[in-house]
């Protein structure tokens, strides 16, 4: 009997190593700072053609403000310009007006546009048309949508890890930081064409257009949440109203100092120190500096400030409630006790949207915002008429786009129609 030989299964072909992208093809341009340099940058861009690749660098984690400390723009036929909107003068919007006028000629391409639009608006720049490559990647169903991952996947290029989390308020900016900044827009136009082709093949081009326009016209004002101090990390450890009052007063004092000095609040006093002081409730300098963080020389010098905030909290006749008042539904974790029928609706809706997400390869949070789904399920009352029409009207009022409603309304009507 002859021996049977089993051929080994063929190995999966390895993904080729990306081609490293170390520096811009045309080199790193000089930073435009003076009015003459900024006008020259505008003239250069005006001589190009097609859309603009746009990016901005901020100093999150270092500064209180969300301002742009460097703006990068690239256009075919013009190359890349780097603009310093801070050293340009006290009124950067006026000095950058020549650039803003040129940018009004065509589409902007950004990656994660929601992170940069606000700071660009602050210097007088706003797109008349927008393409967000990160959002496009989400709609395409990509599991990783950061710029480096998408550039590698679609263009076969490798972006070196850079300085995105650096303190971009630093002056002068190091040359390797400028190299990193220029690379962020180096292949953005090419990336836009590549991901657009993917969306076309998936039949999602119109979906993307609706999303980009919604992003462009949506109010970019900062959060209107009334009690921002409730976001303090670790606040869940504070169990009583007196402690919450202490968190509030310490947070407000810290915020005033941070805003005045333009320093990130956490660098003035970390959240952990606020929570520790609120729980310990010290009344003397000795008690305060016995706590972690407060024992350092910087906090020792500010001890009177923090003790004053704690005293104000103790004297406040109107301490905050344990839960922030709002007009929306409570956290979903409490629904099963307070409104079990709403909890059942939410589970059915999430299941239906999860199945839809797999069918169209779009994340559920991009199909509909989780908050909108929660509000629908909490407020839902079985209608006497067409459930789909009621859901449609609710989603329109909540800002859902046409493509989202076309997909979500039928599955939500089936999930909620009989409840």
Protein backbone atom coordinates (compact mmCIF):
# COMPACT_ATOMS: atom_id res chain seq x y z
CA UNK A 1 0.00 0.00 0.00
CA UNK A 2 1.55 3.25 -1.07
CA UNK A 3 1.92 6.05 1.45
CA UNK A 4 -0.41 8.98 0.82
CA UNK A 5 1.42 12.30 0.80
CA UNK A 6 -0.54 15.33 1.86
CA UNK A 7 0.60 18.57 0.36
CA UNK A 8 0.94 21.35 2.92
CA UNK A 9 -1.60 24.16 2.63
CA UNK A 10 -0.22 27.15 0.76
CA UNK A 11 0.91 29.94 3.02
CA UNK A 12 -0.98 33.20 2.98
CA UNK A 13 1.01 35.77 1.05
CA UNK A 14 2.59 38.26 3.38
CA UNK A 15 1.58 41.88 3.04
CA UNK A 16 4.49 43.75 1.48
CA UNK A 17 6.41 46.07 3.71
CA UNK A 18 5.33 49.68 3.20
CA UNK A 19 7.69 52.06 1.49
CA UNK A 20 8.95 54.42 4.20
CA UNK A 21 7.98 58.04 3.74
CA UNK A 22 10.71 59.89 5.61
CA UNK A 23 10.54 63.41 4.22
CA UNK A 24 8.46 65.46 1.75
CA UNK A 25 9.40 65.07 -1.91
CA UNK A 26 10.07 68.81 -2.24
CA UNK A 27 11.72 69.16 1.17
CA UNK A 28 10.38 71.00 4.19
CA UNK A 29 9.28 74.54 3.29
CA UNK A 30 10.13 77.56 5.36
CA UNK A 31 7.46 78.58 7.83
CA UNK A 32 5.46 81.63 6.74
CA UNK A 33 5.23 84.09 9.61
CA UNK A 34 5.34 87.68 8.42
CA UNK A 35 2.55 89.35 6.42
CA UNK A 36 4.75 89.30 3.30
CA UNK A 37 5.51 85.60 3.72
CA UNK A 38 1.84 84.79 4.26
CA UNK A 39 0.83 86.71 1.12
CA UNK A 40 3.53 84.83 -0.81
CA UNK A 41 2.13 81.52 0.51
CA UNK A 42 -1.34 82.55 -0.66
CA UNK A 43 0.01 83.43 -4.12
CA UNK A 44 1.77 80.07 -4.32
CA UNK A 45 -1.43 78.19 -3.47
CA UNK A 46 -3.43 80.30 -5.91
CA UNK A 47 -1.11 79.16 -8.69
CA UNK A 48 -1.91 75.50 -8.01
CA UNK A 49 -4.91 73.46 -9.07
CA UNK A 50 -7.55 71.24 -7.51
CA UNK A 51 -8.40 70.60 -3.85
CA UNK A 52 -6.37 71.59 -0.81
CA UNK A 53 -4.92 69.14 1.72
CA UNK A 54 -5.24 70.90 5.08
CA UNK A 55 -4.04 70.08 8.58
CA UNK A 56 -3.37 71.94 11.83
CA UNK A 57 -1.27 71.27 14.89
CA UNK A 58 -2.49 72.23 18.36
CA UNK A 59 -0.97 71.96 21.83
CA UNK A 60 -3.60 69.83 23.55
CA UNK A 61 -2.41 68.74 26.97
CA UNK A 62 -0.10 71.73 27.21
CA UNK A 63 -2.30 74.78 26.60
CA UNK A 64 -5.79 75.75 27.71
CA UNK A 65 -6.79 77.06 24.31
CA UNK A 66 -7.51 74.85 21.32
CA UNK A 67 -5.86 77.26 18.90
CA UNK A 68 -3.80 76.20 15.90
CA UNK A 69 -0.07 76.68 16.36
CA UNK A 70 0.82 75.56 12.84
CA UNK A 71 -1.27 75.21 9.68
CA UNK A 72 -0.18 72.97 6.79
CA UNK A 73 -1.68 73.28 3.30
CA UNK A 74 -0.76 71.42 0.12
CA UNK A 75 -2.11 71.76 -3.41
CA UNK A 76 -1.15 70.12 -6.68
CA UNK A 77 1.11 72.38 -8.71
CA UNK A 78 1.88 74.53 -5.67
CA UNK A 79 3.46 72.20 -3.14
CA UNK A 80 3.19 72.63 0.62
CA UNK A 81 3.09 75.76 2.75
CA UNK A 82 3.53 75.90 6.52
CA UNK A 83 1.98 78.88 8.28
CA UNK A 84 2.53 80.05 11.86
CA UNK A 85 -0.76 81.73 12.87
CA UNK A 86 0.54 82.64 16.34
CA UNK A 87 3.71 84.59 15.62
CA UNK A 88 1.87 86.28 12.74
CA UNK A 89 0.43 88.83 15.14
CA UNK A 90 -2.42 89.61 17.50
CA UNK A 91 -5.07 89.32 14.76
CA UNK A 92 -4.14 86.17 12.82
CA UNK A 93 -7.51 86.09 11.02
CA UNK A 94 -6.76 89.43 9.37
CA UNK A 95 -3.22 88.45 8.41
CA UNK A 96 -4.31 85.05 7.11
CA UNK A 97 -7.18 86.47 5.04
CA UNK A 98 -5.24 86.14 1.74
CA UNK A 99 -4.82 82.41 2.40
CA UNK A 100 -8.45 82.01 3.50
CA UNK A 101 -9.62 83.63 0.26
CA UNK A 102 -7.55 81.22 -1.85
CA UNK A 103 -8.83 78.25 0.16
CA UNK A 104 -12.35 79.23 -0.83
CA UNK A 105 -11.57 78.20 -4.41
CA UNK A 106 -11.92 74.44 -3.97
CA UNK A 107 -12.55 71.47 -1.70
CA UNK A 108 -10.59 70.92 1.53
CA UNK A 109 -9.26 67.45 2.34
CA UNK A 110 -8.70 66.78 6.05
CA UNK A 111 -8.15 63.68 8.14
CA UNK A 112 -10.42 63.74 11.22
CA UNK A 113 -11.83 67.12 10.25
CA UNK A 114 -13.81 67.50 13.48
CA UNK A 115 -10.51 67.91 15.35
CA UNK A 116 -9.24 70.82 13.24
CA UNK A 117 -12.24 72.75 11.92
CA UNK A 118 -12.78 74.74 15.13
CA UNK A 119 -9.21 76.03 15.38
CA UNK A 120 -9.15 76.85 11.66
CA UNK A 121 -12.42 78.73 12.02
CA UNK A 122 -10.82 80.80 14.77
CA UNK A 123 -8.35 82.19 12.22
CA UNK A 124 -11.03 82.90 9.64
CA UNK A 125 -10.83 79.71 7.57
CA UNK A 126 -13.84 77.55 6.72
CA UNK A 127 -14.36 75.12 3.81
CA UNK A 128 -17.02 75.58 1.16
CA UNK A 129 -16.61 71.86 0.39
CA UNK A 130 -15.06 69.14 2.54
CA UNK A 131 -13.70 65.62 2.25
CA UNK A 132 -12.74 63.81 5.49
CA UNK A 133 -10.53 60.80 4.78
CA UNK A 134 -10.88 59.40 8.32
CA UNK A 135 -14.68 59.51 8.18
CA UNK A 136 -14.51 57.98 4.70
CA UNK A 137 -12.48 55.11 6.15
CA UNK A 138 -15.13 54.52 8.81
CA UNK A 139 -17.88 54.42 6.19
CA UNK A 140 -15.78 51.97 4.18
CA UNK A 141 -15.67 49.66 7.21
CA UNK A 142 -11.93 49.91 7.85
CA UNK A 143 -10.93 48.61 11.26
CA UNK A 144 -8.12 51.17 11.59
CA UNK A 145 -8.66 54.69 10.33
CA UNK A 146 -5.71 56.64 11.68
CA UNK A 147 -3.72 58.40 8.98
CA UNK A 148 -0.69 56.09 9.08
CA UNK A 149 -2.84 52.94 8.85
CA UNK A 150 -4.88 54.23 5.93
CA UNK A 151 -1.83 55.51 4.05
CA UNK A 152 -0.19 52.10 4.44
CA UNK A 153 -3.31 50.16 3.45
CA UNK A 154 -4.29 52.23 0.41
CA UNK A 155 -1.00 53.73 -0.79
CA UNK A 156 1.57 51.22 0.46
CA UNK A 157 3.52 53.97 2.22
CA UNK A 158 4.81 54.01 5.77
CA UNK A 159 4.51 57.19 7.83
CA UNK A 160 6.96 57.29 10.70
CA UNK A 161 5.54 57.92 14.15
CA UNK A 162 5.69 61.63 14.69
CA UNK A 163 5.05 64.48 17.05
CA UNK A 164 1.27 64.84 17.01
CA UNK A 165 1.08 64.95 20.81
CA UNK A 166 3.96 67.41 21.16
CA UNK A 167 3.76 70.94 22.54
CA UNK A 168 3.29 72.83 19.28
CA UNK A 169 3.29 76.14 21.13
CA UNK A 170 7.05 75.73 21.47
CA UNK A 171 9.14 78.25 19.56
CA UNK A 172 11.18 77.84 17.51
CA UNK A 173 9.64 74.64 16.19
CA UNK A 174 12.26 71.89 15.75
CA UNK A 175 13.06 70.89 12.17
CA UNK A 176 11.99 67.27 12.68
CA UNK A 177 8.59 68.49 13.91
CA UNK A 178 8.19 70.58 10.75
CA UNK A 179 9.14 67.54 8.67
CA UNK A 180 6.41 65.53 10.42
CA UNK A 181 3.88 68.33 9.89
CA UNK A 182 4.63 68.58 6.17
CA UNK A 183 4.30 64.80 5.77
CA UNK A 184 0.77 64.94 7.21
CA UNK A 185 -0.45 66.64 4.03
CA UNK A 186 2.10 65.14 1.62
CA UNK A 187 -0.12 62.28 0.42
CA UNK A 188 -3.54 63.44 1.63
CA UNK A 189 -4.77 64.29 -1.87
CA UNK A 190 -3.69 60.87 -3.15
CA UNK A 191 -5.33 59.22 -0.14
CA UNK A 192 -8.58 61.05 -0.85
CA UNK A 193 -8.70 59.60 -4.38
CA UNK A 194 -7.91 56.09 -3.13
CA UNK A 195 -10.57 55.97 -0.42
CA UNK A 196 -13.10 57.62 -2.75
CA UNK A 197 -12.60 54.73 -5.17
CA UNK A 198 -13.26 52.26 -2.35
CA UNK A 199 -16.49 54.03 -1.45
CA UNK A 200 -17.56 54.12 -5.09
CA UNK A 201 -17.06 50.36 -5.37
CA UNK A 202 -19.13 49.88 -2.20
CA UNK A 203 -21.91 52.18 -3.41
CA UNK A 204 -21.35 54.62 -0.54
CA UNK A 205 -20.26 57.77 -2.36
CA UNK A 206 -23.53 59.57 -1.67
CA UNK A 207 -23.48 58.49 1.97
CA UNK A 208 -20.05 60.06 2.35
CA UNK A 209 -21.13 63.27 0.62
CA UNK A 210 -24.04 63.64 3.05
CA UNK A 211 -21.75 63.05 6.03
CA UNK A 212 -19.13 65.54 4.85
CA UNK A 213 -21.72 68.23 4.26
CA UNK A 214 -23.29 67.60 7.66
CA UNK A 215 -19.89 67.94 9.28
CA UNK A 216 -19.24 71.17 7.40
CA UNK A 217 -22.52 72.87 8.31
CA UNK A 218 -22.82 71.59 11.89
CA UNK A 219 -22.30 74.12 14.67
CA UNK A 220 -18.72 73.72 15.89
CA UNK A 221 -19.19 75.64 19.12
CA UNK A 222 -17.73 74.00 22.19
CA UNK A 223 -19.91 71.73 24.27
CA UNK A 224 -22.84 73.48 25.88
CA UNK A 225 -22.98 71.01 28.74
CA UNK A 226 -23.67 73.11 31.81
CA UNK A 227 -21.71 71.18 34.43
CA UNK A 228 -18.38 70.52 32.74
CA UNK A 229 -16.78 69.91 36.13
CA UNK A 230 -18.71 66.63 36.32
CA UNK A 231 -16.25 65.22 33.76
CA UNK A 232 -13.52 65.23 36.41
CA UNK A 233 -11.81 61.86 36.24
CA UNK A 234 -12.55 59.78 39.35
CA UNK A 235 -15.57 61.85 40.41
CA UNK A 236 -17.53 58.62 40.87
CA UNK A 237 -15.58 58.11 44.12
CA UNK A 238 -17.20 61.20 45.64
CA UNK A 239 -20.42 60.05 47.31
CA UNK A 240 -22.00 63.12 48.93
CA UNK A 241 -23.10 66.62 47.98
CA UNK A 242 -20.43 68.28 50.11
CA UNK A 243 -17.74 66.38 48.24
CA UNK A 244 -19.30 67.27 44.90
CA UNK A 245 -19.38 70.92 45.92
CA UNK A 246 -15.66 70.67 46.67
CA UNK A 247 -14.96 69.12 43.28
CA UNK A 248 -16.93 71.89 41.61
CA UNK A 249 -15.15 74.74 43.43
CA UNK A 250 -11.68 73.28 42.93
CA UNK A 251 -12.42 72.64 39.25
CA UNK A 252 -13.74 76.17 38.69
CA UNK A 253 -10.75 77.80 40.40
CA UNK A 254 -8.36 75.60 38.44
CA UNK A 255 -10.16 76.44 35.20
CA UNK A 256 -9.89 80.19 35.84
CA UNK A 257 -6.16 79.90 36.52
CA UNK A 258 -5.61 77.68 33.48
CA UNK A 259 -7.52 80.03 31.18
CA UNK A 260 -5.69 83.10 32.47
CA UNK A 261 -2.29 81.47 32.03
CA UNK A 262 -3.21 79.47 28.89
CA UNK A 263 -2.03 76.21 30.44
CA UNK A 264 -3.83 72.87 30.26
CA UNK A 265 -5.87 72.50 33.49
CA UNK A 266 -4.30 69.15 34.33
CA UNK A 267 -0.90 70.83 34.50
CA UNK A 268 -2.23 73.25 37.10
CA UNK A 269 -3.75 70.52 39.27
CA UNK A 270 -4.52 66.94 38.19
CA UNK A 271 -8.02 65.55 38.50
CA UNK A 272 -6.78 62.95 40.98
CA UNK A 273 -5.72 65.74 43.36
CA UNK A 274 -9.12 67.43 43.08
CA UNK A 275 -10.92 64.20 43.97
CA UNK A 276 -8.50 63.45 46.83
CA UNK A 277 -8.99 66.90 48.34
CA UNK A 278 -12.78 66.71 47.93
CA UNK A 279 -12.88 63.41 49.79
CA UNK A 280 -10.43 64.38 52.56
CA UNK A 281 -11.87 67.91 53.05
CA UNK A 282 -8.72 69.43 54.62
CA UNK A 283 -9.11 72.71 56.53
CA UNK A 284 -5.46 73.55 57.21
CA UNK A 285 -2.33 73.82 55.11
CA UNK A 286 -0.82 70.91 57.03
CA UNK A 287 -3.78 68.67 56.22
CA UNK A 288 -3.75 69.72 52.57
CA UNK A 289 -0.06 69.14 51.92
CA UNK A 290 -0.31 65.73 53.54
CA UNK A 291 -2.29 64.64 50.47
CA UNK A 292 -0.59 63.27 47.35
CA UNK A 293 0.36 65.95 44.79
CA UNK A 294 -0.24 68.79 47.24
CA UNK A 295 3.02 67.99 49.02
CA UNK A 296 5.07 69.31 46.08
CA UNK A 297 6.56 72.83 46.18
CA UNK A 298 4.27 74.17 43.44
CA UNK A 299 1.10 73.13 45.26
CA UNK A 300 2.47 74.29 48.61
CA UNK A 301 2.73 77.79 47.16
CA UNK A 302 -0.90 77.54 45.98
CA UNK A 303 -2.23 76.01 49.20
CA UNK A 304 -4.20 79.13 50.18
CA UNK A 305 -5.94 79.11 46.79
CA UNK A 306 -7.06 75.50 47.10
CA UNK A 307 -8.07 75.87 50.75
CA UNK A 308 -10.13 78.91 49.77
CA UNK A 309 -11.97 76.84 47.17
CA UNK A 310 -12.68 74.11 49.71
CA UNK A 311 -13.95 76.68 52.23
CA UNK A 312 -16.24 78.17 49.58
CA UNK A 313 -17.63 74.70 48.92
CA UNK A 314 -18.38 74.15 52.61
CA UNK A 315 -20.11 77.55 52.87
CA UNK A 316 -22.15 77.14 49.70
CA UNK A 317 -25.84 76.85 50.65
CA UNK A 318 -26.70 75.26 47.29
CA UNK A 319 -24.52 72.15 46.82
CA UNK A 320 -24.90 70.28 43.53
CA UNK A 321 -27.17 67.30 43.13
CA UNK A 322 -25.58 63.87 42.90
CA UNK A 323 -26.78 63.53 39.29
CA UNK A 324 -26.71 66.33 36.75
CA UNK A 325 -30.20 67.41 35.77
CA UNK A 326 -30.96 67.05 32.10
CA UNK A 327 -33.84 66.50 29.73
CA UNK A 328 -32.46 63.29 28.27
CA UNK A 329 -32.79 59.71 29.46
CA UNK A 330 -30.75 58.39 32.40
CA UNK A 331 -27.73 56.14 31.84
CA UNK A 332 -28.81 52.93 30.11
CA UNK A 333 -27.47 50.84 33.00
CA UNK A 334 -30.37 52.10 35.15
CA UNK A 335 -33.14 51.41 32.66
CA UNK A 336 -33.88 47.84 33.73
CA UNK A 337 -34.91 49.07 37.19
CA UNK A 338 -36.59 52.34 36.27
CA UNK A 339 -38.20 51.51 32.93
CA UNK A 340 -37.73 47.85 31.97
CA UNK A 341 -39.83 48.16 28.81
CA UNK A 342 -37.42 50.84 27.54
CA UNK A 343 -34.47 48.59 28.35
CA UNK A 344 -36.04 45.85 26.26
CA UNK A 345 -36.58 48.28 23.39
CA UNK A 346 -32.99 49.45 23.56
CA UNK A 347 -31.70 45.89 23.47
CA UNK A 348 -33.87 45.10 20.44
CA UNK A 349 -32.80 48.29 18.66
CA UNK A 350 -29.11 47.67 19.33
CA UNK A 351 -29.39 44.11 18.07
CA UNK A 352 -31.14 45.25 14.89
CA UNK A 353 -28.63 48.02 14.24
CA UNK A 354 -25.76 45.63 14.95
CA UNK A 355 -27.01 43.24 12.28
CA UNK A 356 -27.46 46.15 9.88
CA UNK A 357 -23.92 47.33 10.65
CA UNK A 358 -22.52 43.95 9.62
CA UNK A 359 -24.58 43.93 6.43
CA UNK A 360 -23.40 47.34 5.21
CA UNK A 361 -19.96 47.30 6.93
CA UNK A 362 -20.49 50.61 8.65
CA UNK A 363 -19.94 51.00 12.43
CA UNK A 364 -23.17 51.23 14.38
CA UNK A 365 -22.21 54.63 15.79
CA UNK A 366 -21.99 55.94 12.22
CA UNK A 367 -25.36 54.46 11.31
CA UNK A 368 -26.98 56.47 14.10
CA UNK A 369 -25.50 58.23 17.11
CA UNK A 370 -25.94 56.13 20.28
CA UNK A 371 -27.56 59.08 22.07
CA UNK A 372 -30.23 59.38 19.38
CA UNK A 373 -31.01 55.66 19.65
CA UNK A 374 -31.26 55.88 23.45
CA UNK A 375 -33.62 58.86 23.26
CA UNK A 376 -35.82 57.08 20.74
CA UNK A 377 -36.10 53.96 22.89
CA UNK A 378 -36.67 55.85 26.14
CA UNK A 379 -39.38 58.14 24.78
CA UNK A 380 -41.03 55.59 22.49
CA UNK A 381 -44.79 55.15 22.70
CA UNK A 382 -46.45 52.63 20.37
CA UNK A 383 -48.14 54.80 17.73
CA UNK A 384 -51.65 54.32 16.48
CA UNK A 385 -50.45 54.81 12.92
CA UNK A 386 -47.32 53.94 10.93
CA UNK A 387 -44.37 53.27 13.24
CA UNK A 388 -41.89 53.89 10.43
CA UNK A 389 -43.27 57.39 9.85
CA UNK A 390 -42.97 58.23 13.56
CA UNK A 391 -39.38 56.98 13.66
CA UNK A 392 -38.56 58.86 10.47
CA UNK A 393 -39.83 62.11 11.96
CA UNK A 394 -37.91 61.52 15.19
CA UNK A 395 -34.65 60.86 13.34
CA UNK A 396 -35.09 63.92 11.13
CA UNK A 397 -35.56 66.04 14.25
CA UNK A 398 -32.41 64.46 15.70
CA UNK A 399 -30.30 65.38 12.67
CA UNK A 400 -29.97 61.94 11.07
CA UNK A 401 -29.00 62.13 7.42
CA UNK A 402 -31.13 60.75 4.59
CA UNK A 403 -28.91 57.70 3.98
CA UNK A 404 -29.01 56.84 7.68
CA UNK A 405 -32.79 57.06 7.78
CA UNK A 406 -33.20 54.94 4.66
CA UNK A 407 -31.21 52.15 6.31
CA UNK A 408 -32.25 52.48 9.94
CA UNK A 409 -35.96 53.27 9.84
CA UNK A 410 -37.12 49.87 8.50
CA UNK A 411 -35.08 47.84 11.01
CA UNK A 412 -36.03 50.10 13.92
CA UNK A 413 -39.70 49.97 12.93
CA UNK A 414 -39.52 46.21 13.04
CA UNK A 415 -37.67 46.20 16.37
CA UNK A 416 -39.94 48.76 18.06
CA UNK A 417 -43.16 48.59 16.11
CA UNK A 418 -44.90 46.17 18.39
CA UNK A 419 -43.49 47.38 21.71
